[in-house]
């Protein structure tokens, strides 16, 4: 929960002062979009948890493609990248029990 709260806090648009020699006003506001993804369950879901897996991967910086509940090539590649970043997981693109457990632990829920 804390990790999700930190990610949400970091994603909220913030006004950041930036010095600019060319601007009449040396304080320029920078904003960042607030991206909120689905957090469907990864177990006992209508799509076998694929959309929940996709959303968690997306929120953690991986690109699973659209969050559509389809275990396509982009989702499998995102799973492989996650597995490579989290040894000793087998890098096979399958989100089995071991990968799911580490995904939930890494994401926080």
N, C-alpha and C. Protein backbone atom coordinates (compact mmCIF):
# COMPACT_ATOMS: atom_id res chain seq x y z
N UNK A 1 0.82 -1.19 0.00
CA UNK A 1 0.00 0.00 0.00
C UNK A 1 0.87 1.25 0.00
N UNK A 2 1.96 1.22 0.77
CA UNK A 2 2.83 2.39 0.84
C UNK A 2 3.45 2.69 -0.52
N UNK A 3 3.88 1.62 -1.23
CA UNK A 3 4.48 1.81 -2.55
C UNK A 3 3.46 2.41 -3.51
N UNK A 4 2.21 1.93 -3.46
CA UNK A 4 1.18 2.47 -4.33
C UNK A 4 0.91 3.93 -4.01
N UNK A 5 0.89 4.28 -2.73
CA UNK A 5 0.68 5.66 -2.32
C UNK A 5 1.83 6.54 -2.78
N UNK A 6 3.06 6.04 -2.67
CA UNK A 6 4.20 6.82 -3.13
C UNK A 6 4.15 7.01 -4.64
N UNK A 7 3.75 5.96 -5.38
CA UNK A 7 3.65 6.08 -6.83
C UNK A 7 2.58 7.09 -7.21
N UNK A 8 1.45 7.06 -6.51
CA UNK A 8 0.38 8.00 -6.78
C UNK A 8 0.83 9.41 -6.46
N UNK A 9 1.51 9.59 -5.34
CA UNK A 9 2.00 10.91 -4.95
C UNK A 9 2.99 11.43 -5.98
N UNK A 10 3.86 10.56 -6.47
CA UNK A 10 4.86 10.98 -7.46
C UNK A 10 4.22 11.32 -8.79
N UNK A 11 3.09 10.69 -9.10
CA UNK A 11 2.46 10.90 -10.39
C UNK A 11 1.57 12.13 -10.44
N UNK A 12 1.15 12.65 -9.28
CA UNK A 12 0.28 13.81 -9.23
C UNK A 12 1.03 15.02 -9.78
N UNK A 13 0.32 15.80 -10.54
CA UNK A 13 0.96 16.98 -11.14
C UNK A 13 1.51 17.89 -10.05
N UNK A 14 2.78 18.22 -10.18
CA UNK A 14 3.47 19.06 -9.21
C UNK A 14 3.98 20.32 -9.88
N UNK A 15 3.96 21.41 -9.18
CA UNK A 15 4.57 22.64 -9.68
C UNK A 15 6.01 22.65 -9.20
N UNK A 16 6.93 22.67 -10.14
CA UNK A 16 8.34 22.61 -9.82
C UNK A 16 9.00 23.88 -10.34
N UNK A 17 9.64 24.66 -9.45
CA UNK A 17 10.29 25.88 -9.93
C UNK A 17 11.51 25.53 -10.78
N UNK A 18 11.60 26.15 -11.94
CA UNK A 18 12.72 25.93 -12.85
C UNK A 18 13.24 27.29 -13.28
N UNK A 19 14.54 27.55 -13.06
CA UNK A 19 15.13 28.81 -13.48
C UNK A 19 15.27 28.83 -14.99
N UNK A 20 14.87 29.91 -15.60
CA UNK A 20 14.98 30.03 -17.04
C UNK A 20 15.46 31.44 -17.38
N UNK A 21 16.62 31.55 -18.02
CA UNK A 21 17.18 32.85 -18.35
C UNK A 21 16.36 33.54 -19.43
N UNK A 22 15.68 32.76 -20.28
CA UNK A 22 14.95 33.36 -21.39
C UNK A 22 13.52 33.75 -21.03
N UNK A 23 13.00 33.21 -19.96
CA UNK A 23 11.62 33.50 -19.58
C UNK A 23 11.54 34.78 -18.78
N UNK A 24 10.48 35.54 -18.98
CA UNK A 24 10.28 36.76 -18.20
C UNK A 24 10.08 36.42 -16.73
N UNK A 25 9.39 35.32 -16.49
CA UNK A 25 9.17 34.84 -15.13
C UNK A 25 10.11 33.65 -14.91
N UNK A 26 11.05 33.76 -13.98
CA UNK A 26 12.01 32.67 -13.79
C UNK A 26 11.40 31.41 -13.17
N UNK A 27 10.13 31.45 -12.78
CA UNK A 27 9.49 30.28 -12.17
C UNK A 27 8.46 29.73 -13.15
N UNK A 28 8.79 28.65 -13.77
CA UNK A 28 7.91 28.01 -14.74
C UNK A 28 7.33 26.76 -14.09
N UNK A 29 6.05 26.59 -14.23
CA UNK A 29 5.43 25.40 -13.65
C UNK A 29 5.52 24.25 -14.63
N UNK A 30 6.00 23.13 -14.13
CA UNK A 30 6.03 21.89 -14.90
C UNK A 30 4.96 20.98 -14.32
N UNK A 31 4.22 20.33 -15.18
CA UNK A 31 3.21 19.39 -14.70
C UNK A 31 3.45 18.03 -15.34
N UNK A 32 2.98 17.04 -14.65
CA UNK A 32 3.05 15.68 -15.15
C UNK A 32 1.64 15.09 -15.06
N UNK A 33 1.25 14.28 -16.04
CA UNK A 33 -0.10 13.73 -16.01
C UNK A 33 -0.27 12.71 -14.89
N UNK A 34 -1.46 12.61 -14.39
CA UNK A 34 -1.80 11.62 -13.40
C UNK A 34 -2.36 10.41 -14.14
N UNK A 35 -1.63 9.31 -14.10
CA UNK A 35 -2.05 8.08 -14.77
C UNK A 35 -2.52 7.08 -13.74
N UNK A 36 -3.77 6.69 -13.84
CA UNK A 36 -4.32 5.70 -12.92
C UNK A 36 -4.73 4.49 -13.75
N UNK A 37 -4.17 3.36 -13.42
CA UNK A 37 -4.48 2.14 -14.17
C UNK A 37 -5.45 1.27 -13.37
N UNK A 38 -5.95 0.26 -14.03
CA UNK A 38 -6.82 -0.71 -13.38
C UNK A 38 -6.00 -1.50 -12.37
N UNK A 39 -6.65 -1.95 -11.34
CA UNK A 39 -6.00 -2.89 -10.42
C UNK A 39 -6.94 -4.06 -10.18
N UNK A 40 -7.24 -4.75 -11.24
CA UNK A 40 -8.03 -5.95 -11.11
C UNK A 40 -7.23 -6.99 -10.35
N UNK A 41 -7.92 -7.95 -9.73
CA UNK A 41 -7.19 -9.01 -9.03
C UNK A 41 -6.39 -9.86 -10.01
N UNK A 42 -5.35 -10.50 -9.51
CA UNK A 42 -4.57 -11.38 -10.37
C UNK A 42 -4.93 -12.84 -10.16
N UNK A 43 -5.83 -13.10 -9.26
CA UNK A 43 -6.36 -14.45 -9.05
C UNK A 43 -7.88 -14.39 -9.07
N UNK A 44 -8.49 -15.45 -9.52
CA UNK A 44 -9.95 -15.57 -9.53
C UNK A 44 -10.63 -14.42 -10.27
N UNK A 45 -10.09 -14.01 -11.39
CA UNK A 45 -10.68 -12.95 -12.19
C UNK A 45 -11.21 -13.54 -13.49
N UNK A 46 -12.11 -12.81 -14.13
CA UNK A 46 -12.74 -13.30 -15.37
C UNK A 46 -11.73 -13.55 -16.48
N UNK A 47 -10.60 -12.85 -16.46
CA UNK A 47 -9.59 -13.00 -17.51
C UNK A 47 -8.34 -13.72 -17.00
N UNK A 48 -8.54 -14.55 -15.98
CA UNK A 48 -7.43 -15.28 -15.34
C UNK A 48 -6.40 -14.33 -14.74
N UNK A 49 -6.81 -13.11 -14.42
CA UNK A 49 -5.92 -12.16 -13.77
C UNK A 49 -4.99 -11.40 -14.71
N UNK A 50 -5.16 -11.59 -16.02
CA UNK A 50 -4.23 -10.97 -16.96
C UNK A 50 -4.29 -9.45 -16.88
N UNK A 51 -5.50 -8.86 -16.79
CA UNK A 51 -5.58 -7.40 -16.74
C UNK A 51 -4.96 -6.86 -15.45
N UNK A 52 -5.08 -7.58 -14.36
CA UNK A 52 -4.43 -7.16 -13.11
C UNK A 52 -2.92 -7.23 -13.22
N UNK A 53 -2.42 -8.27 -13.89
CA UNK A 53 -0.98 -8.41 -14.11
C UNK A 53 -0.50 -7.28 -15.01
N UNK A 54 -1.25 -7.00 -16.10
CA UNK A 54 -0.88 -5.93 -17.02
C UNK A 54 -0.82 -4.57 -16.30
N UNK A 55 -1.82 -4.29 -15.47
CA UNK A 55 -1.87 -3.01 -14.78
C UNK A 55 -0.70 -2.84 -13.82
N UNK A 56 -0.39 -3.88 -13.07
CA UNK A 56 0.73 -3.79 -12.13
C UNK A 56 2.05 -3.62 -12.88
N UNK A 57 2.22 -4.35 -13.96
CA UNK A 57 3.44 -4.19 -14.76
C UNK A 57 3.53 -2.78 -15.31
N UNK A 58 2.44 -2.24 -15.85
CA UNK A 58 2.43 -0.88 -16.38
C UNK A 58 2.78 0.14 -15.30
N UNK A 59 2.18 0.01 -14.13
CA UNK A 59 2.44 0.95 -13.04
C UNK A 59 3.88 0.87 -12.55
N UNK A 60 4.53 -0.26 -12.79
CA UNK A 60 5.92 -0.42 -12.35
C UNK A 60 6.91 -0.06 -13.47
N UNK A 61 6.42 0.42 -14.60
CA UNK A 61 7.30 0.90 -15.65
C UNK A 61 7.53 -0.05 -16.81
N UNK A 62 6.86 -1.19 -16.83
CA UNK A 62 6.98 -2.13 -17.94
C UNK A 62 5.89 -1.81 -18.96
N UNK A 63 6.04 -2.26 -20.18
CA UNK A 63 5.05 -1.99 -21.22
C UNK A 63 4.34 -3.28 -21.64
N UNK A 64 3.19 -3.56 -21.03
CA UNK A 64 2.45 -4.77 -21.41
C UNK A 64 1.49 -4.56 -22.57
N UNK A 65 1.53 -3.38 -23.19
CA UNK A 65 0.55 -3.05 -24.22
C UNK A 65 -0.75 -2.61 -23.57
N UNK A 66 -1.85 -2.67 -24.29
CA UNK A 66 -3.12 -2.24 -23.70
C UNK A 66 -3.55 -3.17 -22.56
N UNK A 67 -4.20 -2.58 -21.57
CA UNK A 67 -4.71 -3.38 -20.45
C UNK A 67 -6.07 -3.92 -20.89
N UNK A 68 -6.01 -5.09 -21.55
CA UNK A 68 -7.20 -5.65 -22.17
C UNK A 68 -7.51 -7.07 -21.73
N UNK A 69 -6.69 -7.61 -20.83
CA UNK A 69 -6.93 -8.97 -20.35
C UNK A 69 -6.48 -10.06 -21.32
N UNK A 70 -5.74 -9.67 -22.35
CA UNK A 70 -5.25 -10.64 -23.35
C UNK A 70 -3.76 -10.85 -23.14
N UNK A 71 -3.37 -12.09 -23.00
CA UNK A 71 -1.95 -12.42 -22.80
C UNK A 71 -1.26 -12.49 -24.16
N UNK A 72 -1.03 -11.30 -24.73
CA UNK A 72 -0.41 -11.21 -26.05
C UNK A 72 1.10 -11.06 -25.95
N UNK A 73 1.75 -10.84 -27.09
CA UNK A 73 3.21 -10.77 -27.12
C UNK A 73 3.80 -9.62 -26.29
N UNK A 74 3.13 -8.47 -26.26
CA UNK A 74 3.65 -7.35 -25.45
C UNK A 74 3.58 -7.67 -23.96
N UNK A 75 2.49 -8.29 -23.55
CA UNK A 75 2.35 -8.68 -22.14
C UNK A 75 3.39 -9.73 -21.78
N UNK A 76 3.58 -10.71 -22.65
CA UNK A 76 4.58 -11.74 -22.38
C UNK A 76 5.98 -11.15 -22.31
N UNK A 77 6.28 -10.17 -23.15
CA UNK A 77 7.60 -9.52 -23.12
C UNK A 77 7.76 -8.72 -21.82
N UNK A 78 6.71 -8.03 -21.39
CA UNK A 78 6.77 -7.29 -20.13
C UNK A 78 6.98 -8.24 -18.96
N UNK A 79 6.34 -9.40 -18.99
CA UNK A 79 6.53 -10.40 -17.94
C UNK A 79 7.98 -10.89 -17.96
N UNK A 80 8.52 -11.15 -19.15
CA UNK A 80 9.93 -11.58 -19.25
C UNK A 80 10.87 -10.52 -18.68
N UNK A 81 10.62 -9.24 -19.00
CA UNK A 81 11.46 -8.16 -18.46
C UNK A 81 11.37 -8.11 -16.94
N UNK A 82 10.16 -8.27 -16.40
CA UNK A 82 9.98 -8.29 -14.95
C UNK A 82 10.72 -9.48 -14.35
N UNK A 83 10.61 -10.63 -15.00
CA UNK A 83 11.30 -11.82 -14.50
C UNK A 83 12.82 -11.63 -14.53
N UNK A 84 13.33 -11.01 -15.58
CA UNK A 84 14.77 -10.77 -15.68
C UNK A 84 15.25 -9.82 -14.58
N UNK A 85 14.39 -8.89 -14.18
CA UNK A 85 14.74 -7.94 -13.12
C UNK A 85 14.57 -8.53 -11.72
N UNK A 86 13.99 -9.72 -11.63
CA UNK A 86 13.70 -10.33 -10.33
C UNK A 86 14.17 -11.78 -10.27
N UNK A 87 15.49 -11.99 -10.28
CA UNK A 87 15.99 -13.36 -10.15
C UNK A 87 15.61 -13.92 -8.79
N UNK A 88 15.42 -15.18 -8.65
CA UNK A 88 15.75 -16.27 -9.56
C UNK A 88 14.59 -16.73 -10.43
N UNK A 89 13.66 -15.84 -10.78
CA UNK A 89 12.53 -16.26 -11.62
C UNK A 89 13.02 -16.77 -12.97
N UNK A 90 12.36 -17.80 -13.46
CA UNK A 90 12.63 -18.28 -14.81
C UNK A 90 12.11 -17.24 -15.80
N UNK A 91 12.89 -16.92 -16.81
CA UNK A 91 12.51 -15.91 -17.79
C UNK A 91 11.81 -16.62 -18.95
N UNK A 92 10.48 -16.81 -18.77
CA UNK A 92 9.72 -17.58 -19.75
C UNK A 92 8.48 -16.84 -20.25
N UNK A 93 8.17 -15.66 -19.71
CA UNK A 93 7.00 -14.92 -20.14
C UNK A 93 5.69 -15.45 -19.63
N UNK A 94 5.77 -16.40 -18.70
CA UNK A 94 4.57 -16.98 -18.10
C UNK A 94 4.45 -16.47 -16.68
N UNK A 95 3.29 -15.96 -16.33
CA UNK A 95 3.10 -15.44 -14.96
C UNK A 95 2.51 -16.55 -14.10
N UNK A 96 3.39 -17.48 -13.73
CA UNK A 96 2.99 -18.59 -12.87
C UNK A 96 2.96 -18.17 -11.41
N UNK A 97 2.77 -19.12 -10.50
CA UNK A 97 2.65 -18.79 -9.08
C UNK A 97 3.85 -18.02 -8.52
N UNK A 98 5.06 -18.40 -8.90
CA UNK A 98 6.25 -17.72 -8.39
C UNK A 98 6.32 -16.28 -8.86
N UNK A 99 6.07 -16.06 -10.15
CA UNK A 99 6.10 -14.70 -10.71
C UNK A 99 4.99 -13.87 -10.11
N UNK A 100 3.78 -14.45 -9.97
CA UNK A 100 2.67 -13.71 -9.38
C UNK A 100 3.01 -13.28 -7.95
N UNK A 101 3.58 -14.18 -7.19
CA UNK A 101 3.90 -13.86 -5.78
C UNK A 101 4.90 -12.71 -5.70
N UNK A 102 5.93 -12.73 -6.54
CA UNK A 102 6.93 -11.66 -6.51
C UNK A 102 6.35 -10.36 -7.07
N UNK A 103 5.46 -10.46 -8.06
CA UNK A 103 4.79 -9.28 -8.61
C UNK A 103 3.95 -8.59 -7.55
N UNK A 104 3.18 -9.38 -6.81
CA UNK A 104 2.35 -8.81 -5.74
C UNK A 104 3.24 -8.21 -4.64
N UNK A 105 4.30 -8.90 -4.29
CA UNK A 105 5.21 -8.39 -3.26
C UNK A 105 5.90 -7.10 -3.73
N UNK A 106 6.36 -7.09 -4.98
CA UNK A 106 7.05 -5.91 -5.50
C UNK A 106 6.10 -4.72 -5.64
N UNK A 107 4.86 -4.98 -6.03
CA UNK A 107 3.88 -3.90 -6.23
C UNK A 107 3.29 -3.43 -4.91
N UNK A 108 3.13 -4.34 -3.99
CA UNK A 108 2.55 -3.98 -2.70
C UNK A 108 1.14 -4.45 -2.50
N UNK A 109 0.52 -5.00 -3.52
CA UNK A 109 -0.84 -5.56 -3.38
C UNK A 109 -1.18 -6.39 -4.58
